[in-house]
Amino acid sequence: RYGHFQVGPAGDGLLVCDGYYQQDDDPPGGARWLSLVEVDWQAERLAWHPLCSHGSPWRSQDDHPHPIFDHRGDAVWFTGGDDHGHRRVCRIAVPGPLRRPPLN
């Protein structure tokens, strides 16, 4: 599996990822979900929270989602795809319980 990870602005173990997470009914090799990952480094645990299907065809680096948090940590920007294979820049809100304030 292939995916990009980006650290959240608070630096406290919240990541965003565009690969790896797969639901039971996804086709093999899917890598179609944009997910938040809560990391507990000391306990060596991950909790995956799917945000949305990103729609990337993964044809080139330009098509990869490359998710990144905004500066406040309340949204994620990424490159998505549509049903016709066109790229688009997308934004999705981070759910309230997972939002964390940036470090000052």
PDB file of N, CA and C in Angstrom:
ATOM      1  N   ARG A   1       0.844  -1.187   0.000  1.00  0.00           N
ATOM      2  CA  ARG A   1       0.000   0.000   0.000  1.00  0.00           C
ATOM      3  C   ARG A   1       0.882   1.241   0.000  1.00  0.00           C
ATOM      4  N   TYR A   2       0.345   2.290  -0.522  1.00  0.00           N
ATOM      5  CA  TYR A   2       1.081   3.537  -0.652  1.00  0.00           C
ATOM      6  C   TYR A   2       0.224   4.666  -0.101  1.00  0.00           C
ATOM      7  N   GLY A   3       0.831   5.607   0.551  1.00  0.00           N
ATOM      8  CA  GLY A   3       0.073   6.741   1.046  1.00  0.00           C
ATOM      9  C   GLY A   3       0.979   7.840   1.539  1.00  0.00           C
ATOM     10  N   HIS A   4       0.420   9.020   1.630  1.00  0.00           N
ATOM     11  CA  HIS A   4       1.122  10.185   2.157  1.00  0.00           C
ATOM     12  C   HIS A   4       0.555  10.491   3.532  1.00  0.00           C
ATOM     13  N   PHE A   5       1.412  10.856   4.449  1.00  0.00           N
ATOM     14  CA  PHE A   5       0.999  11.251   5.794  1.00  0.00           C
ATOM     15  C   PHE A   5       1.444  12.684   6.026  1.00  0.00           C
ATOM     16  N   GLN A   6       0.622  13.456   6.721  1.00  0.00           N
ATOM     17  CA  GLN A   6       0.967  14.824   7.088  1.00  0.00           C
ATOM     18  C   GLN A   6       0.610  15.015   8.557  1.00  0.00           C
ATOM     19  N   VAL A   7       1.510  15.622   9.302  1.00  0.00           N
ATOM     20  CA  VAL A   7       1.311  15.875  10.722  1.00  0.00           C
ATOM     21  C   VAL A   7       0.381  17.072  10.900  1.00  0.00           C
ATOM     22  N   GLY A   8      -0.504  16.991  11.894  1.00  0.00           N
ATOM     23  CA  GLY A   8      -1.416  18.087  12.193  1.00  0.00           C
ATOM     24  C   GLY A   8      -0.689  19.279  12.783  1.00  0.00           C
ATOM     25  N   PRO A   9      -1.314  20.459  12.768  1.00  0.00           N
ATOM     26  CA  PRO A   9      -0.650  21.672  13.227  1.00  0.00           C
ATOM     27  C   PRO A   9      -0.332  21.698  14.714  1.00  0.00           C
ATOM     28  N   ALA A  10      -1.037  20.896  15.504  1.00  0.00           N
ATOM     29  CA  ALA A  10      -0.769  20.895  16.941  1.00  0.00           C
ATOM     30  C   ALA A  10       0.424  20.005  17.293  1.00  0.00           C
ATOM     31  N   GLY A  11       0.858  19.152  16.373  1.00  0.00           N
ATOM     32  CA  GLY A  11       2.001  18.290  16.623  1.00  0.00           C
ATOM     33  C   GLY A  11       1.779  17.291  17.743  1.00  0.00           C
ATOM     34  N   ASP A  12       0.522  16.915  17.977  1.00  0.00           N
ATOM     35  CA  ASP A  12       0.204  16.054  19.119  1.00  0.00           C
ATOM     36  C   ASP A  12      -0.256  14.651  18.749  1.00  0.00           C
ATOM     37  N   GLY A  13       0.040  14.210  17.555  1.00  0.00           N
ATOM     38  CA  GLY A  13      -0.308  12.849  17.185  1.00  0.00           C
ATOM     39  C   GLY A  13      -1.502  12.715  16.261  1.00  0.00           C
ATOM     40  N   LEU A  14      -2.025  13.805  15.718  1.00  0.00           N
ATOM     41  CA  LEU A  14      -3.082  13.713  14.725  1.00  0.00           C
ATOM     42  C   LEU A  14      -2.453  13.868  13.348  1.00  0.00           C
ATOM     43  N   LEU A  15      -2.671  12.876  12.507  1.00  0.00           N
ATOM     44  CA  LEU A  15      -2.132  12.861  11.146  1.00  0.00           C
ATOM     45  C   LEU A  15      -3.289  12.792  10.166  1.00  0.00           C
ATOM     46  N   VAL A  16      -3.019  13.136   8.917  1.00  0.00           N
ATOM     47  CA  VAL A  16      -3.957  12.892   7.835  1.00  0.00           C
ATOM     48  C   VAL A  16      -3.236  12.006   6.822  1.00  0.00           C
ATOM     49  N   CYS A  17      -3.974  11.073   6.229  1.00  0.00           N
ATOM     50  CA  CYS A  17      -3.381  10.113   5.304  1.00  0.00           C
ATOM     51  C   CYS A  17      -4.315   9.891   4.124  1.00  0.00           C
ATOM     52  N   ASP A  18      -3.747   9.658   2.947  1.00  0.00           N
ATOM     53  CA  ASP A  18      -4.554   9.401   1.754  1.00  0.00           C
ATOM     54  C   ASP A  18      -4.467   7.957   1.267  1.00  0.00           C
ATOM     55  N   GLY A  19      -3.900   7.082   2.024  1.00  0.00           N
ATOM     56  CA  GLY A  19      -3.790   5.691   1.617  1.00  0.00           C
ATOM     57  C   GLY A  19      -3.890   4.774   2.821  1.00  0.00           C
ATOM     58  N   TYR A  20      -3.670   3.529   2.632  1.00  0.00           N
ATOM     59  CA  TYR A  20      -3.626   2.504   3.672  1.00  0.00           C
ATOM     60  C   TYR A  20      -4.990   2.085   4.202  1.00  0.00           C
ATOM     61  N   TYR A  21      -5.815   3.033   4.660  1.00  0.00           N
ATOM     62  CA  TYR A  21      -7.095   2.658   5.240  1.00  0.00           C
ATOM     63  C   TYR A  21      -7.969   1.998   4.176  1.00  0.00           C
ATOM     64  N   GLN A  22      -8.601   0.887   4.537  1.00  0.00           N
ATOM     65  CA  GLN A  22      -9.471   0.190   3.606  1.00  0.00           C
ATOM     66  C   GLN A  22     -10.674  -0.357   4.359  1.00  0.00           C
ATOM     67  N   GLN A  23     -11.851  -0.177   3.787  1.00  0.00           N
ATOM     68  CA  GLN A  23     -13.056  -0.748   4.370  1.00  0.00           C
ATOM     69  C   GLN A  23     -13.258  -2.158   3.821  1.00  0.00           C
ATOM     70  N   ASP A  24     -14.038  -2.954   4.532  1.00  0.00           N
ATOM     71  CA  ASP A  24     -14.219  -4.363   4.175  1.00  0.00           C
ATOM     72  C   ASP A  24     -14.692  -4.584   2.744  1.00  0.00           C
ATOM     73  N   ASP A  25     -15.525  -3.697   2.215  1.00  0.00           N
ATOM     74  CA  ASP A  25     -16.071  -3.901   0.871  1.00  0.00           C
ATOM     75  C   ASP A  25     -15.287  -3.178  -0.227  1.00  0.00           C
ATOM     76  N   ASP A  26     -14.126  -2.574   0.105  1.00  0.00           N
ATOM     77  CA  ASP A  26     -13.296  -1.910  -0.896  1.00  0.00           C
ATOM     78  C   ASP A  26     -12.587  -2.948  -1.754  1.00  0.00           C
ATOM     79  N   PRO A  27     -12.339  -2.619  -3.030  1.00  0.00           N
ATOM     80  CA  PRO A  27     -11.569  -3.539  -3.872  1.00  0.00           C
ATOM     81  C   PRO A  27     -10.124  -3.615  -3.383  1.00  0.00           C
ATOM     82  N   PRO A  28      -9.440  -4.727  -3.647  1.00  0.00           N
ATOM     83  CA  PRO A  28      -8.028  -4.841  -3.233  1.00  0.00           C
ATOM     84  C   PRO A  28      -7.195  -3.708  -3.829  1.00  0.00           C
ATOM     85  N   GLY A  29      -6.262  -3.215  -3.038  1.00  0.00           N
ATOM     86  CA  GLY A  29      -5.383  -2.150  -3.515  1.00  0.00           C
ATOM     87  C   GLY A  29      -6.083  -0.815  -3.662  1.00  0.00           C
ATOM     88  N   GLY A  30      -7.226  -0.670  -3.006  1.00  0.00           N
ATOM     89  CA  GLY A  30      -8.059   0.514  -3.173  1.00  0.00           C
ATOM     90  C   GLY A  30      -7.381   1.836  -2.903  1.00  0.00           C
ATOM     91  N   ALA A  31      -6.842   2.059  -1.711  1.00  0.00           N
ATOM     92  CA  ALA A  31      -6.223   3.331  -1.310  1.00  0.00           C
ATOM     93  C   ALA A  31      -7.073   4.501  -1.770  1.00  0.00           C
ATOM     94  N   ARG A  32      -8.354   4.482  -1.404  1.00  0.00           N
ATOM     95  CA  ARG A  32      -9.275   5.504  -1.890  1.00  0.00           C
ATOM     96  C   ARG A  32      -9.777   6.441  -0.802  1.00  0.00           C
ATOM     97  N   TRP A  33      -9.340   6.234   0.430  1.00  0.00           N
ATOM     98  CA  TRP A  33      -9.887   7.008   1.545  1.00  0.00           C
ATOM     99  C   TRP A  33      -8.913   8.043   2.073  1.00  0.00           C
ATOM    100  N   LEU A  34      -9.441   9.212   2.350  1.00  0.00           N
ATOM    101  CA  LEU A  34      -8.731  10.228   3.096  1.00  0.00           C
ATOM    102  C   LEU A  34      -9.124  10.010   4.551  1.00  0.00           C
ATOM    103  N   SER A  35      -8.144   9.830   5.426  1.00  0.00           N
ATOM    104  CA  SER A  35      -8.421   9.488   6.824  1.00  0.00           C
ATOM    105  C   SER A  35      -7.608  10.341   7.781  1.00  0.00           C
ATOM    106  N   LEU A  36      -8.188  10.557   8.957  1.00  0.00           N
ATOM    107  CA  LEU A  36      -7.432  11.108  10.073  1.00  0.00           C
ATOM    108  C   LEU A  36      -6.926   9.931  10.885  1.00  0.00           C
ATOM    109  N   VAL A  37      -5.725  10.056  11.381  1.00  0.00           N
ATOM    110  CA  VAL A  37      -5.116   8.990  12.174  1.00  0.00           C
ATOM    111  C   VAL A  37      -4.696   9.574  13.514  1.00  0.00           C
ATOM    112  N   GLU A  38      -5.284   9.060  14.589  1.00  0.00           N
ATOM    113  CA  GLU A  38      -4.860   9.445  15.933  1.00  0.00           C
ATOM    114  C   GLU A  38      -3.766   8.479  16.353  1.00  0.00           C
ATOM    115  N   VAL A  39      -2.626   9.021  16.725  1.00  0.00           N
ATOM    116  CA  VAL A  39      -1.482   8.189  17.074  1.00  0.00           C
ATOM    117  C   VAL A  39      -1.160   8.365  18.555  1.00  0.00           C
ATOM    118  N   ASP A  40      -1.085   7.249  19.255  1.00  0.00           N
ATOM    119  CA  ASP A  40      -0.589   7.242  20.628  1.00  0.00           C
ATOM    120  C   ASP A  40       0.775   6.571  20.560  1.00  0.00           C
ATOM    121  N   TRP A  41       1.816   7.394  20.473  1.00  0.00           N
ATOM    122  CA  TRP A  41       3.166   6.876  20.260  1.00  0.00           C
ATOM    123  C   TRP A  41       3.608   5.980  21.410  1.00  0.00           C
ATOM    124  N   GLN A  42       3.309   6.339  22.640  1.00  0.00           N
ATOM    125  CA  GLN A  42       3.770   5.548  23.787  1.00  0.00           C
ATOM    126  C   GLN A  42       3.073   4.197  23.856  1.00  0.00           C
ATOM    127  N   ALA A  43       1.789   4.155  23.582  1.00  0.00           N
ATOM    128  CA  ALA A  43       1.047   2.889  23.634  1.00  0.00           C
ATOM    129  C   ALA A  43       1.149   2.116  22.321  1.00  0.00           C
ATOM    130  N   GLU A  44       1.780   2.726  21.296  1.00  0.00           N
ATOM    131  CA  GLU A  44       1.936   2.103  19.975  1.00  0.00           C
ATOM    132  C   GLU A  44       0.577   1.711  19.386  1.00  0.00           C
ATOM    133  N   ARG A  45      -0.365   2.681  19.399  1.00  0.00           N
ATOM    134  CA  ARG A  45      -1.711   2.450  18.867  1.00  0.00           C
ATOM    135  C   ARG A  45      -2.074   3.508  17.835  1.00  0.00           C
ATOM    136  N   LEU A  46      -2.860   3.071  16.840  1.00  0.00           N
ATOM    137  CA  LEU A  46      -3.412   3.963  15.829  1.00  0.00           C
ATOM    138  C   LEU A  46      -4.924   3.820  15.824  1.00  0.00           C
ATOM    139  N   ALA A  47      -5.622   4.921  15.645  1.00  0.00           N
ATOM    140  CA  ALA A  47      -7.070   4.889  15.441  1.00  0.00           C
ATOM    141  C   ALA A  47      -7.348   5.630  14.138  1.00  0.00           C
ATOM    142  N   TRP A  48      -7.970   4.933  13.176  1.00  0.00           N
ATOM    143  CA  TRP A  48      -8.245   5.488  11.848  1.00  0.00           C
ATOM    144  C   TRP A  48      -9.668   6.024  11.793  1.00  0.00           C
ATOM    145  N   HIS A  49      -9.828   7.233  11.243  1.00  0.00           N
ATOM    146  CA  HIS A  49     -11.128   7.874  11.098  1.00  0.00           C
ATOM    147  C   HIS A  49     -11.293   8.322   9.643  1.00  0.00           C
ATOM    148  N   PRO A  50     -11.991   7.535   8.818  1.00  0.00           N
ATOM    149  CA  PRO A  50     -12.162   7.932   7.412  1.00  0.00           C
ATOM    150  C   PRO A  50     -12.962   9.226   7.300  1.00  0.00           C
ATOM    151  N   LEU A  51     -12.479  10.149   6.462  1.00  0.00           N
ATOM    152  CA  LEU A  51     -13.157  11.415   6.226  1.00  0.00           C
ATOM    153  C   LEU A  51     -14.019  11.359   4.964  1.00  0.00           C
ATOM    154  N   CYS A  52     -13.421  10.878   3.872  1.00  0.00           N
ATOM    155  CA  CYS A  52     -14.137  10.816   2.595  1.00  0.00           C
ATOM    156  C   CYS A  52     -13.312  10.003   1.606  1.00  0.00           C
ATOM    157  N   SER A  53     -13.960   9.615   0.530  1.00  0.00           N
ATOM    158  CA  SER A  53     -13.249   9.019  -0.596  1.00  0.00           C
ATOM    159  C   SER A  53     -12.667  10.172  -1.403  1.00  0.00           C
ATOM    160  N   HIS A  54     -11.351  10.125  -1.713  1.00  0.00           N
ATOM    161  CA  HIS A  54     -10.722  11.260  -2.380  1.00  0.00           C
ATOM    162  C   HIS A  54     -10.869  11.244  -3.895  1.00  0.00           C
ATOM    163  N   GLY A  55     -11.155  10.113  -4.494  1.00  0.00           N
ATOM    164  CA  GLY A  55     -11.390  10.049  -5.932  1.00  0.00           C
ATOM    165  C   GLY A  55     -10.154  10.124  -6.802  1.00  0.00           C
ATOM    166  N   SER A  56      -8.973  10.013  -6.219  1.00  0.00           N
ATOM    167  CA  SER A  56      -7.748  10.103  -7.011  1.00  0.00           C
ATOM    168  C   SER A  56      -7.547   8.850  -7.852  1.00  0.00           C
ATOM    169  N   PRO A  57      -7.176   9.021  -9.131  1.00  0.00           N
ATOM    170  CA  PRO A  57      -6.867   7.853  -9.952  1.00  0.00           C
ATOM    171  C   PRO A  57      -5.431   7.345  -9.747  1.00  0.00           C
ATOM    172  N   TRP A  58      -4.590   8.075  -9.010  1.00  0.00           N
ATOM    173  CA  TRP A  58      -3.211   7.687  -8.707  1.00  0.00           C
ATOM    174  C   TRP A  58      -2.371   7.468  -9.976  1.00  0.00           C
ATOM    175  N   ARG A  59      -2.646   8.205 -11.043  1.00  0.00           N
ATOM    176  CA  ARG A  59      -1.893   8.017 -12.294  1.00  0.00           C
ATOM    177  C   ARG A  59      -0.505   8.641 -12.240  1.00  0.00           C
ATOM    178  N   SER A  60      -0.395   9.775 -11.545  1.00  0.00           N
ATOM    179  CA  SER A  60       0.888  10.478 -11.472  1.00  0.00           C
ATOM    180  C   SER A  60       0.943  11.222 -10.142  1.00  0.00           C
ATOM    181  N   GLN A  61       2.094  11.817  -9.827  1.00  0.00           N
ATOM    182  CA  GLN A  61       2.203  12.604  -8.598  1.00  0.00           C
ATOM    183  C   GLN A  61       1.198  13.758  -8.584  1.00  0.00           C
ATOM    184  N   ASP A  62       0.846  14.279  -9.753  1.00  0.00           N
ATOM    185  CA  ASP A  62      -0.141  15.353  -9.828  1.00  0.00           C
ATOM    186  C   ASP A  62      -1.528  14.878  -9.410  1.00  0.00           C
ATOM    187  N   ASP A  63      -1.799  13.594  -9.559  1.00  0.00           N
ATOM    188  CA  ASP A  63      -3.101  13.033  -9.201  1.00  0.00           C
ATOM    189  C   ASP A  63      -3.172  12.562  -7.753  1.00  0.00           C
ATOM    190  N   HIS A  64      -2.037  12.359  -7.107  1.00  0.00           N
ATOM    191  CA  HIS A  64      -2.067  11.894  -5.725  1.00  0.00           C
ATOM    192  C   HIS A  64      -2.754  12.935  -4.856  1.00  0.00           C
ATOM    193  N   PRO A  65      -3.496  12.526  -3.832  1.00  0.00           N
ATOM    194  CA  PRO A  65      -4.226  13.490  -2.998  1.00  0.00           C
ATOM    195  C   PRO A  65      -3.352  14.470  -2.213  1.00  0.00           C
ATOM    196  N   HIS A  66      -2.171  14.050  -1.739  1.00  0.00           N
ATOM    197  CA  HIS A  66      -1.278  14.922  -0.969  1.00  0.00           C
ATOM    198  C   HIS A  66      -2.036  15.787   0.039  1.00  0.00           C
ATOM    199  N   PRO A  67      -2.718  15.180   1.006  1.00  0.00           N
ATOM    200  CA  PRO A  67      -3.513  15.962   1.959  1.00  0.00           C
ATOM    201  C   PRO A  67      -2.641  16.794   2.898  1.00  0.00           C
ATOM    202  N   ILE A  68      -3.187  17.943   3.294  1.00  0.00           N
ATOM    203  CA  ILE A  68      -2.488  18.820   4.230  1.00  0.00           C
ATOM    204  C   ILE A  68      -3.534  19.561   5.072  1.00  0.00           C
ATOM    205  N   PHE A  69      -3.244  19.707   6.361  1.00  0.00           N
ATOM    206  CA  PHE A  69      -4.120  20.464   7.248  1.00  0.00           C
ATOM    207  C   PHE A  69      -4.002  21.950   6.941  1.00  0.00           C
ATOM    208  N   ASP A  70      -5.082  22.694   7.173  1.00  0.00           N
ATOM    209  CA  ASP A  70      -4.958  24.147   7.131  1.00  0.00           C
ATOM    210  C   ASP A  70      -4.265  24.588   8.429  1.00  0.00           C
ATOM    211  N   HIS A  71      -3.928  25.869   8.529  1.00  0.00           N
ATOM    212  CA  HIS A  71      -3.152  26.342   9.680  1.00  0.00           C
ATOM    213  C   HIS A  71      -3.888  26.236  11.004  1.00  0.00           C
ATOM    214  N   ARG A  72      -5.203  26.283  10.977  1.00  0.00           N
ATOM    215  CA  ARG A  72      -5.981  26.160  12.209  1.00  0.00           C
ATOM    216  C   ARG A  72      -6.230  24.715  12.598  1.00  0.00           C
ATOM    217  N   GLY A  73      -6.020  23.786  11.681  1.00  0.00           N
ATOM    218  CA  GLY A  73      -6.256  22.375  11.976  1.00  0.00           C
ATOM    219  C   GLY A  73      -7.713  21.967  11.921  1.00  0.00           C
ATOM    220  N   ASP A  74      -8.566  22.819  11.336  1.00  0.00           N
ATOM    221  CA  ASP A  74      -9.981  22.461  11.296  1.00  0.00           C
ATOM    222  C   ASP A  74     -10.458  22.006   9.920  1.00  0.00           C
ATOM    223  N   ALA A  75      -9.531  21.896   8.962  1.00  0.00           N
ATOM    224  CA  ALA A  75      -9.869  21.404   7.629  1.00  0.00           C
ATOM    225  C   ALA A  75      -8.639  20.769   6.991  1.00  0.00           C
ATOM    226  N   VAL A  76      -8.888  19.934   6.009  1.00  0.00           N
ATOM    227  CA  VAL A  76      -7.828  19.298   5.228  1.00  0.00           C
ATOM    228  C   VAL A  76      -8.067  19.654   3.759  1.00  0.00           C
ATOM    229  N   TRP A  77      -7.010  20.078   3.078  1.00  0.00           N
ATOM    230  CA  TRP A  77      -7.035  20.344   1.640  1.00  0.00           C
ATOM    231  C   TRP A  77      -6.355  19.181   0.938  1.00  0.00           C
ATOM    232  N   PHE A  78      -6.847  18.803  -0.245  1.00  0.00           N
ATOM    233  CA  PHE A  78      -6.256  17.691  -0.989  1.00  0.00           C
ATOM    234  C   PHE A  78      -6.627  17.781  -2.461  1.00  0.00           C
ATOM    235  N   THR A  79      -5.891  17.062  -3.290  1.00  0.00           N
ATOM    236  CA  THR A  79      -6.219  16.947  -4.704  1.00  0.00           C
ATOM    237  C   THR A  79      -7.134  15.745  -4.859  1.00  0.00           C
ATOM    238  N   GLY A  80      -8.291  15.964  -5.427  1.00  0.00           N
ATOM    239  CA  GLY A  80      -9.255  14.889  -5.631  1.00  0.00           C
ATOM    240  C   GLY A  80      -9.491  14.665  -7.109  1.00  0.00           C
ATOM    241  N   GLY A  81     -10.306  13.699  -7.399  1.00  0.00           N
ATOM    242  CA  GLY A  81     -10.664  13.399  -8.777  1.00  0.00           C
ATOM    243  C   GLY A  81     -12.166  13.315  -8.913  1.00  0.00           C
ATOM    244  N   ASP A  82     -12.639  13.432 -10.145  1.00  0.00           N
ATOM    245  CA  ASP A  82     -14.074  13.282 -10.374  1.00  0.00           C
ATOM    246  C   ASP A  82     -14.326  12.055 -11.245  1.00  0.00           C
ATOM    247  N   ASP A  83     -15.562  11.803 -11.588  1.00  0.00           N
ATOM    248  CA  ASP A  83     -15.926  10.619 -12.370  1.00  0.00           C
ATOM    249  C   ASP A  83     -15.371  10.632 -13.792  1.00  0.00           C
ATOM    250  N   HIS A  84     -14.875  11.787 -14.257  1.00  0.00           N
ATOM    251  CA  HIS A  84     -14.344  11.907 -15.613  1.00  0.00           C
ATOM    252  C   HIS A  84     -12.818  11.920 -15.641  1.00  0.00           C
ATOM    253  N   GLY A  85     -12.182  11.694 -14.493  1.00  0.00           N
ATOM    254  CA  GLY A  85     -10.723  11.660 -14.429  1.00  0.00           C
ATOM    255  C   GLY A  85     -10.063  13.016 -14.338  1.00  0.00           C
ATOM    256  N   HIS A  86     -10.822  14.066 -14.043  1.00  0.00           N
ATOM    257  CA  HIS A  86     -10.250  15.403 -13.901  1.00  0.00           C
ATOM    258  C   HIS A  86      -9.862  15.656 -12.454  1.00  0.00           C
ATOM    259  N   ARG A  87      -8.750  16.387 -12.261  1.00  0.00           N
ATOM    260  CA  ARG A  87      -8.298  16.754 -10.923  1.00  0.00           C
ATOM    261  C   ARG A  87      -9.035  17.987 -10.435  1.00  0.00           C
ATOM    262  N   ARG A  88      -9.146  18.090  -9.114  1.00  0.00           N
ATOM    263  CA  ARG A  88      -9.738  19.272  -8.502  1.00  0.00           C
ATOM    264  C   ARG A  88      -9.150  19.435  -7.111  1.00  0.00           C
ATOM    265  N   VAL A  89      -9.090  20.647  -6.625  1.00  0.00           N
ATOM    266  CA  VAL A  89      -8.635  20.910  -5.262  1.00  0.00           C
ATOM    267  C   VAL A  89      -9.866  20.862  -4.368  1.00  0.00           C
ATOM    268  N   CYS A  90      -9.767  20.108  -3.279  1.00  0.00           N
ATOM    269  CA  CYS A  90     -10.916  19.887  -2.400  1.00  0.00           C
ATOM    270  C   CYS A  90     -10.564  20.253  -0.961  1.00  0.00           C
ATOM    271  N   ARG A  91     -11.598  20.535  -0.182  1.00  0.00           N
ATOM    272  CA  ARG A  91     -11.448  20.842   1.240  1.00  0.00           C
ATOM    273  C   ARG A  91     -12.508  20.063   1.998  1.00  0.00           C
ATOM    274  N   ILE A  92     -12.114  19.478   3.123  1.00  0.00           N
ATOM    275  CA  ILE A  92     -13.073  18.811   3.993  1.00  0.00           C
ATOM    276  C   ILE A  92     -12.796  19.225   5.434  1.00  0.00           C
ATOM    277  N   ALA A  93     -13.858  19.475   6.171  1.00  0.00           N
ATOM    278  CA  ALA A  93     -13.727  19.878   7.567  1.00  0.00           C
ATOM    279  C   ALA A  93     -13.277  18.703   8.434  1.00  0.00           C
ATOM    280  N   VAL A  94     -12.465  18.993   9.425  1.00  0.00           N
ATOM    281  CA  VAL A  94     -12.083  17.994  10.429  1.00  0.00           C
ATOM    282  C   VAL A  94     -13.212  17.956  11.456  1.00  0.00           C
ATOM    283  N   PRO A  95     -13.764  16.777  11.747  1.00  0.00           N
ATOM    284  CA  PRO A  95     -14.857  16.696  12.726  1.00  0.00           C
ATOM    285  C   PRO A  95     -14.462  17.289  14.077  1.00  0.00           C
ATOM    286  N   GLY A  96     -15.403  17.983  14.709  1.00  0.00           N
ATOM    287  CA  GLY A  96     -15.170  18.671  15.974  1.00  0.00           C
ATOM    288  C   GLY A  96     -14.402  17.896  17.027  1.00  0.00           C
ATOM    289  N   PRO A  97     -14.778  16.642  17.334  1.00  0.00           N
ATOM    290  CA  PRO A  97     -14.070  15.913  18.391  1.00  0.00           C
ATOM    291  C   PRO A  97     -12.589  15.650  18.086  1.00  0.00           C
ATOM    292  N   LEU A  98     -12.207  15.713  16.804  1.00  0.00           N
ATOM    293  CA  LEU A  98     -10.811  15.449  16.440  1.00  0.00           C
ATOM    294  C   LEU A  98     -10.002  16.723  16.243  1.00  0.00           C
ATOM    295  N   ARG A  99     -10.650  17.880  16.250  1.00  0.00           N
ATOM    296  CA  ARG A  99      -9.930  19.135  16.093  1.00  0.00           C
ATOM    297  C   ARG A  99      -9.053  19.417  17.289  1.00  0.00           C
ATOM    298  N   ARG A 100      -7.879  19.932  17.014  1.00  0.00           N
ATOM    299  CA  ARG A 100      -6.958  20.287  18.087  1.00  0.00           C
ATOM    300  C   ARG A 100      -6.361  21.630  17.784  1.00  0.00           C
ATOM    301  N   PRO A 101      -6.284  22.510  18.758  1.00  0.00           N
ATOM    302  CA  PRO A 101      -5.750  23.847  18.465  1.00  0.00           C
ATOM    303  C   PRO A 101      -4.267  23.797  18.125  1.00  0.00           C
ATOM    304  N   PRO A 102      -3.837  24.656  17.185  1.00  0.00           N
ATOM    305  CA  PRO A 102      -2.413  24.715  16.861  1.00  0.00           C
ATOM    306  C   PRO A 102      -1.583  25.153  18.067  1.00  0.00           C
ATOM    307  N   LEU A 103      -0.331  24.746  18.091  1.00  0.00           N
ATOM    308  CA  LEU A 103       0.588  25.201  19.128  1.00  0.00           C
ATOM    309  C   LEU A 103       0.944  26.652  18.884  1.00  0.00           C
ATOM    310  N   ASN A 104       1.123  27.400  19.905  1.00  0.00           N
ATOM    311  CA  ASN A 104       1.525  28.809  19.765  1.00  0.00           C
ATOM    312  C   ASN A 104       3.009  28.943  19.871  1.00  0.00           C
TER     313      ASN A 104
END
